Amino acid sequence: MPPTEGETLPDFEAAFCDGETFRSRRLSEALEPRGGVLVCTGFAFSAIAQNWWTRFVRAGWDEFDDVAVIGVSRDGPYGQNEFLRQLGRPDFEFVADVDGTAGEALDLLVDRDHMAGVSTPWRSAFVVGPARTVRYAFVADDWISPLPREEVEEAVAALPPRAD
């Protein structure tokens, strides 16, 4: 079962991409002082991912105060970095989940019909605090549902302020 509210996301290690470089680190190291938003899509250059992430940029998600925005898809690090550059290099990071480590840790991987041997994570979003505790969880039960952007934004606004 994918993580639900109140549970703790696994602290997986993966290649995190910033639009120019990539380096391996743990999810806990990528979160900001107030936490983060983790958004999973199948592939970065899919029509749905391009639509979602363009909307996130327009909505100002790269300006969340002390909250990281992290995408997860099966593309490699060079593809992830190119995708971020095409978005205008917002202050997001993407996990290059080529081997499915993050998707598996989150229990989101599913085999894709008519894509022999390919599994991708269900389209999903998690808002977590700095200790990776899930404050909001959305997992689509189909491949075309839109992400409830306003609910994610409300959950981010409800994260406790930065503890100094």
Protein backbone atom coordinates (compact mmCIF):
# COMPACT_ATOMS: atom_id res chain seq x y z
CA MET A 1 0.00 0.00 0.00
CA PRO A 2 1.30 3.48 -0.80
CA PRO A 3 1.91 5.74 2.20
CA THR A 4 -1.11 7.46 3.73
CA GLU A 5 -1.54 10.43 6.05
CA GLY A 6 0.28 9.95 9.34
CA GLU A 7 2.77 7.41 7.95
CA THR A 8 6.43 8.14 7.29
CA LEU A 9 7.84 8.06 3.76
CA PRO A 10 10.81 5.71 3.37
CA ASP A 11 14.17 7.46 3.23
CA PHE A 12 15.19 6.10 -0.17
CA GLU A 13 18.44 7.04 -1.89
CA ALA A 14 18.41 8.10 -5.52
CA ALA A 15 19.95 10.46 -8.08
CA PHE A 16 18.52 13.95 -7.48
CA CYS A 17 18.66 16.30 -10.48
CA ASP A 18 18.55 20.12 -10.34
CA GLY A 19 18.45 21.04 -14.04
CA GLU A 20 22.20 21.01 -14.47
CA THR A 21 23.80 18.35 -12.29
CA PHE A 22 22.74 15.25 -10.40
CA ARG A 23 23.98 13.53 -7.29
CA SER A 24 22.95 10.64 -5.15
CA ARG A 25 21.38 11.46 -1.81
CA ARG A 26 18.61 10.46 0.52
CA LEU A 27 15.11 11.92 0.48
CA SER A 28 15.66 13.26 4.01
CA GLU A 29 18.60 15.33 2.72
CA ALA A 30 16.49 16.85 -0.07
CA LEU A 31 13.69 18.12 2.17
CA GLU A 32 13.64 21.75 3.26
CA PRO A 33 13.15 22.89 6.89
CA ARG A 34 9.33 22.74 6.60
CA GLY A 35 9.29 19.54 4.51
CA GLY A 36 8.47 18.86 0.89
CA VAL A 37 6.07 17.92 -1.86
CA LEU A 38 6.84 14.69 -3.69
CA VAL A 39 5.06 14.29 -7.06
CA CYS A 40 5.33 11.02 -8.98
CA THR A 41 4.67 10.71 -12.69
CA GLY A 42 5.50 7.94 -15.13
CA PHE A 43 7.91 9.75 -17.42
CA ALA A 44 8.99 13.40 -17.40
CA PHE A 45 8.22 14.07 -21.05
CA SER A 46 4.78 12.47 -21.05
CA ALA A 47 1.94 14.81 -21.96
CA ILE A 48 0.45 14.56 -18.46
CA ALA A 49 3.75 15.28 -16.71
CA GLN A 50 4.42 18.25 -18.97
CA ASN A 51 0.93 19.58 -18.28
CA TRP A 52 1.19 19.08 -14.50
CA TRP A 53 4.66 20.58 -14.09
CA THR A 54 3.91 23.56 -16.32
CA ARG A 55 0.89 24.27 -14.10
CA PHE A 56 3.01 23.92 -10.95
CA VAL A 57 5.48 26.49 -12.30
CA ARG A 58 2.64 28.88 -13.19
CA ALA A 59 1.11 28.37 -9.73
CA GLY A 60 4.39 29.41 -8.07
CA TRP A 61 5.30 26.09 -6.49
CA ASP A 62 8.96 26.98 -6.93
CA GLU A 63 8.35 29.79 -4.43
CA PHE A 64 7.05 27.67 -1.53
CA ASP A 65 8.73 28.95 1.63
CA ASP A 66 11.19 26.34 3.00
CA VAL A 67 9.36 23.48 1.24
CA ALA A 68 11.13 21.38 -1.40
CA VAL A 69 9.26 20.32 -4.54
CA ILE A 70 10.55 17.00 -5.85
CA GLY A 71 9.42 15.11 -8.93
CA VAL A 72 9.90 11.37 -9.39
CA SER A 73 9.85 9.64 -12.78
CA ARG A 74 11.59 6.78 -14.54
CA ASP A 75 13.72 8.99 -16.82
CA GLY A 76 17.49 9.11 -16.45
CA PRO A 77 19.32 12.09 -14.95
CA TYR A 78 20.17 13.73 -18.28
CA GLY A 79 16.52 13.57 -19.34
CA GLN A 80 15.37 14.89 -15.96
CA ASN A 81 17.79 17.82 -16.20
CA GLU A 82 16.61 18.62 -19.73
CA PHE A 83 13.00 18.52 -18.55
CA LEU A 84 13.81 21.01 -15.76
CA ARG A 85 15.60 23.26 -18.25
CA GLN A 86 12.56 23.20 -20.54
CA LEU A 87 10.41 24.24 -17.56
CA GLY A 88 12.65 27.28 -17.12
CA ARG A 89 14.80 25.80 -14.33
CA PRO A 90 12.36 26.33 -11.46
CA ASP A 91 13.57 25.61 -7.96
CA PHE A 92 12.51 21.96 -8.21
CA GLU A 93 14.49 18.76 -8.09
CA PHE A 94 13.70 15.51 -9.86
CA VAL A 95 14.57 11.98 -8.86
CA ALA A 96 15.92 9.96 -11.76
CA ASP A 97 14.21 6.73 -10.74
CA VAL A 98 15.56 4.64 -13.62
CA ASP A 99 15.67 1.43 -11.62
CA GLY A 100 12.39 2.08 -9.77
CA THR A 101 13.97 2.32 -6.30
CA ALA A 102 11.84 5.29 -5.21
CA GLY A 103 8.66 3.96 -6.80
CA GLU A 104 9.19 0.59 -5.13
CA ALA A 105 10.00 2.17 -1.74
CA LEU A 106 6.73 4.12 -1.98
CA ASP A 107 4.86 0.98 -3.12
CA LEU A 108 3.64 2.79 -6.23
CA LEU A 109 5.07 0.71 -9.09
CA VAL A 110 2.63 -0.98 -11.41
CA ASP A 111 3.22 -2.88 -14.64
CA ARG A 112 1.99 -0.94 -17.64
CA ASP A 113 -0.27 -2.71 -20.12
CA HIS A 114 1.19 -2.89 -23.61
CA MET A 115 4.63 -1.78 -22.34
CA ALA A 116 6.36 -5.12 -21.88
CA GLY A 117 8.57 -5.16 -18.81
CA VAL A 118 7.90 -1.52 -17.93
CA SER A 119 6.57 -0.41 -14.57
CA THR A 120 5.92 3.16 -13.52
CA PRO A 121 4.67 4.75 -10.32
CA TRP A 122 1.02 5.64 -10.03
CA ARG A 123 0.58 9.37 -10.48
CA SER A 124 0.63 10.67 -6.94
CA ALA A 125 1.55 13.50 -4.60
CA PHE A 126 2.65 13.56 -0.98
CA VAL A 127 3.12 16.57 1.27
CA VAL A 128 5.46 15.71 4.12
CA GLY A 129 6.96 17.44 7.11
CA PRO A 130 10.74 17.56 7.66
CA ALA A 131 10.71 14.11 9.33
CA ARG A 132 8.97 12.66 6.20
CA THR A 133 5.61 12.29 7.99
CA VAL A 134 2.84 12.37 5.41
CA ARG A 135 0.49 15.33 5.91
CA TYR A 136 -1.38 14.82 2.63
CA ALA A 137 -1.50 11.91 0.19
CA PHE A 138 -3.05 11.57 -3.24
CA VAL A 139 -2.71 8.45 -5.39
CA ALA A 140 -4.65 8.37 -8.65
CA ASP A 141 -6.48 5.17 -9.43
CA ASP A 142 -6.21 5.74 -13.17
CA TRP A 143 -3.68 7.17 -15.63
CA ILE A 144 -5.50 10.38 -16.54
CA SER A 145 -6.79 11.92 -13.29
CA PRO A 146 -5.50 15.43 -12.65
CA LEU A 147 -3.57 16.14 -9.51
CA PRO A 148 -5.71 18.06 -6.98
CA ARG A 149 -3.35 21.06 -7.04
CA GLU A 150 -5.39 23.20 -4.65
CA GLU A 151 -5.43 20.44 -2.00
CA VAL A 152 -1.66 20.10 -2.25
CA GLU A 153 -1.28 23.88 -1.86
CA GLU A 154 -3.57 23.86 1.21
CA ALA A 155 -1.51 21.05 2.76
CA VAL A 156 1.71 22.99 2.12
CA ALA A 157 0.20 26.11 3.72
CA ALA A 158 -0.74 24.00 6.77
CA LEU A 159 2.84 22.78 7.34
CA PRO A 160 4.22 24.21 10.59
CA PRO A 161 6.48 27.23 10.23
CA ARG A 162 10.22 26.77 10.11
CA ALA A 163 11.70 25.99 13.52
CA ASP A 164 14.79 28.13 14.07
